[in-house]
C-alpha atoms as a PDB file:
ATOM      1  CA  GLU A   1      23.211  37.789   9.329  1.00  0.00           C
ATOM      2  CA  THR A   2      20.302  39.811   7.974  1.00  0.00           C
ATOM      3  CA  LYS A   3      18.681  39.708   4.416  1.00  0.00           C
ATOM      4  CA  ALA A   4      20.784  43.220   4.049  1.00  0.00           C
ATOM      5  CA  GLU A   5      23.836  41.498   4.604  1.00  0.00           C
ATOM      6  CA  ALA A   6      23.156  38.634   2.368  1.00  0.00           C
ATOM      7  CA  PRO A   7      25.198  37.960  -0.563  1.00  0.00           C
ATOM      8  CA  LYS A   8      24.261  39.489  -3.786  1.00  0.00           C
ATOM      9  CA  LYS A   9      23.809  37.369  -7.050  1.00  0.00           C
ATOM     10  CA  SER A  10      26.471  39.635  -8.803  1.00  0.00           C
ATOM     11  CA  GLU A  11      28.893  38.608  -6.143  1.00  0.00           C
ATOM     12  CA  SER A  12      31.324  35.309  -7.519  1.00  0.00           C
ATOM     13  CA  LYS A  13      30.814  32.174  -6.129  1.00  0.00           C
ATOM     14  CA  ALA A  14      34.389  32.003  -4.519  1.00  0.00           C
ATOM     15  CA  GLU A  15      32.953  35.040  -2.105  1.00  0.00           C
ATOM     16  CA  VAL A  16      29.718  33.518  -1.287  1.00  0.00           C
ATOM     17  CA  ASN A  17      31.773  29.947  -0.847  1.00  0.00           C
ATOM     18  CA  VAL A  18      33.803  31.390   1.790  1.00  0.00           C
ATOM     19  CA  ALA A  19      33.687  29.630   5.098  1.00  0.00           C
ATOM     20  CA  PRO A  20      33.106  31.639   8.330  1.00  0.00           C
ATOM     21  CA  VAL A  21      35.912  32.167  11.294  1.00  0.00           C
ATOM     22  CA  ALA A  22      34.811  30.143  13.956  1.00  0.00           C
ATOM     23  CA  THR A  23      34.177  32.851  16.521  1.00  0.00           C
ATOM     24  CA  GLY A  24      32.066  30.585  18.821  1.00  0.00           C
ATOM     25  CA  GLU A  25      29.149  32.613  17.999  1.00  0.00           C
ATOM     26  CA  ARG A  26      26.499  30.548  15.475  1.00  0.00           C
ATOM     27  CA  VAL A  27      26.006  32.015  12.136  1.00  0.00           C
ATOM     28  CA  THR A  28      23.274  31.035  10.268  1.00  0.00           C
ATOM     29  CA  ARG A  29      22.023  32.548   6.862  1.00  0.00           C
ATOM     30  CA  GLU A  30      18.642  32.154   4.943  1.00  0.00           C
ATOM     31  CA  VAL A  31      19.130  31.015   1.695  1.00  0.00           C
ATOM     32  CA  ARG A  32      16.720  30.121  -0.756  1.00  0.00           C
ATOM     33  CA  LEU A  33      16.167  26.536  -1.640  1.00  0.00           C
ATOM     34  CA  THR A  34      15.868  25.430  -5.691  1.00  0.00           C
ATOM     35  CA  SER A  35      12.629  24.212  -6.817  1.00  0.00           C
ATOM     36  CA  MET A  36      14.302  20.642  -6.493  1.00  0.00           C
ATOM     37  CA  ARG A  37      15.068  21.009  -3.236  1.00  0.00           C
ATOM     38  CA  GLU A  38      11.957  22.117  -2.048  1.00  0.00           C
ATOM     39  CA  ARG A  39      10.151  19.266  -4.245  1.00  0.00           C
ATOM     40  CA  ILE A  40      12.572  16.969  -2.598  1.00  0.00           C
ATOM     41  CA  ALA A  41      11.426  18.136   1.127  1.00  0.00           C
ATOM     42  CA  GLU A  42       7.545  18.175  -0.241  1.00  0.00           C
ATOM     43  CA  ARG A  43       8.225  14.310  -0.620  1.00  0.00           C
ATOM     44  CA  LEU A  44      10.396  13.445   2.154  1.00  0.00           C
ATOM     45  CA  LYS A  45       7.419  15.237   4.596  1.00  0.00           C
ATOM     46  CA  GLY A  46       5.362  13.615   2.507  1.00  0.00           C
ATOM     47  CA  SER A  47       6.333  10.465   3.249  1.00  0.00           C
ATOM     48  CA  GLN A  48       6.937  10.970   6.919  1.00  0.00           C
ATOM     49  CA  ASN A  49       3.277  11.717   7.086  1.00  0.00           C
ATOM     50  CA  THR A  50       2.307   8.659   5.659  1.00  0.00           C
ATOM     51  CA  ALA A  51       4.412   6.211   6.508  1.00  0.00           C
ATOM     52  CA  ALA A  52       4.856   4.491  10.023  1.00  0.00           C
ATOM     53  CA  MET A  53       8.403   6.044  11.555  1.00  0.00           C
ATOM     54  CA  LEU A  54       9.707   3.492  14.284  1.00  0.00           C
ATOM     55  CA  THR A  55      12.969   2.156  15.184  1.00  0.00           C
ATOM     56  CA  THR A  56      12.920  -1.320  16.958  1.00  0.00           C
ATOM     57  CA  PHE A  57      16.416  -2.395  19.422  1.00  0.00           C
ATOM     58  CA  ASN A  58      16.630  -5.888  19.811  1.00  0.00           C
ATOM     59  CA  GLU A  59      19.669  -6.533  21.886  1.00  0.00           C
ATOM     60  CA  ILE A  60      21.905 -10.133  21.025  1.00  0.00           C
ATOM     61  CA  ASP A  61      24.754 -11.267  22.445  1.00  0.00           C
ATOM     62  CA  MET A  62      27.410 -11.052  20.442  1.00  0.00           C
ATOM     63  CA  THR A  63      29.687 -12.872  22.065  1.00  0.00           C
ATOM     64  CA  PRO A  64      30.577 -15.957  19.334  1.00  0.00           C
ATOM     65  CA  MET A  65      30.695 -13.193  16.318  1.00  0.00           C
ATOM     66  CA  ILE A  66      33.401 -11.760  18.180  1.00  0.00           C
ATOM     67  CA  ASN A  67      35.086 -14.639  18.749  1.00  0.00           C
ATOM     68  CA  LEU A  68      34.400 -16.014  15.536  1.00  0.00           C
ATOM     69  CA  ARG A  69      36.120 -12.448  13.909  1.00  0.00           C
ATOM     70  CA  GLU A  70      39.057 -12.827  16.843  1.00  0.00           C
ATOM     71  CA  LYS A  71      39.963 -16.298  15.059  1.00  0.00           C
ATOM     72  CA  TYR A  72      39.856 -14.947  11.572  1.00  0.00           C
ATOM     73  CA  LYS A  73      40.918 -11.606  11.597  1.00  0.00           C
ATOM     74  CA  VAL A  74      44.519 -11.820  10.526  1.00  0.00           C
ATOM     75  CA  GLN A  75      43.924 -14.458   7.779  1.00  0.00           C
ATOM     76  CA  PHE A  76      40.829 -12.850   6.303  1.00  0.00           C
ATOM     77  CA  ALA A  77      43.031  -9.889   6.097  1.00  0.00           C
ATOM     78  CA  LYS A  78      46.359 -10.644   4.586  1.00  0.00           C
ATOM     79  CA  LYS A  79      43.852 -12.736   1.669  1.00  0.00           C
ATOM     80  CA  HIS A  80      41.230 -10.023   1.033  1.00  0.00           C
ATOM     81  CA  GLY A  81      43.229  -6.694   2.208  1.00  0.00           C
ATOM     82  CA  VAL A  82      40.278  -5.349   3.760  1.00  0.00           C
ATOM     83  CA  LYS A  83      39.593  -6.132   8.224  1.00  0.00           C
ATOM     84  CA  LEU A  84      37.240  -8.208   8.815  1.00  0.00           C
ATOM     85  CA  GLY A  85      33.882  -6.279  10.253  1.00  0.00           C
ATOM     86  CA  PHE A  86      30.482  -7.447  11.785  1.00  0.00           C
ATOM     87  CA  MET A  87      28.459  -5.920   8.605  1.00  0.00           C
ATOM     88  CA  SER A  88      29.198  -9.080   6.155  1.00  0.00           C
ATOM     89  CA  PRO A  89      27.398 -11.403   8.875  1.00  0.00           C
ATOM     90  CA  PHE A  90      24.398  -9.001   9.646  1.00  0.00           C
ATOM     91  CA  ALA A  91      24.144  -9.281   5.613  1.00  0.00           C
ATOM     92  CA  LYS A  92      24.357 -12.618   5.548  1.00  0.00           C
ATOM     93  CA  ALA A  93      22.055 -13.292   7.824  1.00  0.00           C
ATOM     94  CA  CYS A  94      19.400 -10.758   6.289  1.00  0.00           C
ATOM     95  CA  ALA A  95      19.911 -13.014   2.790  1.00  0.00           C
ATOM     96  CA  LEU A  96      19.071 -16.278   4.669  1.00  0.00           C
ATOM     97  CA  ALA A  97      16.202 -15.029   6.558  1.00  0.00           C
ATOM     98  CA  LEU A  98      14.880 -13.282   3.323  1.00  0.00           C
ATOM     99  CA  GLN A  99      15.148 -16.574   1.957  1.00  0.00           C
ATOM    100  CA  ASP A 100      13.244 -18.380   4.542  1.00  0.00           C
ATOM    101  CA  VAL A 101      10.763 -15.700   4.949  1.00  0.00           C
ATOM    102  CA  PRO A 102      10.227 -13.677   1.826  1.00  0.00           C
ATOM    103  CA  VAL A 103       7.323 -11.554   2.826  1.00  0.00           C
ATOM    104  CA  VAL A 104       9.553  -9.661   5.517  1.00  0.00           C
ATOM    105  CA  ASN A 105      10.459  -7.983   2.093  1.00  0.00           C
ATOM    106  CA  ALA A 106       7.142  -7.465   0.717  1.00  0.00           C
ATOM    107  CA  SER A 107       6.070  -4.042   0.009  1.00  0.00           C
ATOM    108  CA  TRP A 108       2.244  -2.217  -0.341  1.00  0.00           C
END
């Protein structure tokens, strides 16, 4: 859309929020940021520029965890009404690691 085709402020929200019909073409429109969203964008960009951004990947053998989950998943689901996933053991491991090495949770 061009700026000339952009919805006018006087149009109702129902008309403005109607989703475009999928035609296979990419539809874009420019919308001015609110001052709050602009400030959030500034702060996020500032954080990105001042803090180190990195991702680390560590490979581990999950076989014991997979076997443990397989052994208890039915019993766990019956008792708690939810599936046993992998996040709980990771959260527990993090909590134990932070108790052993609290400086990991330090900030500067």
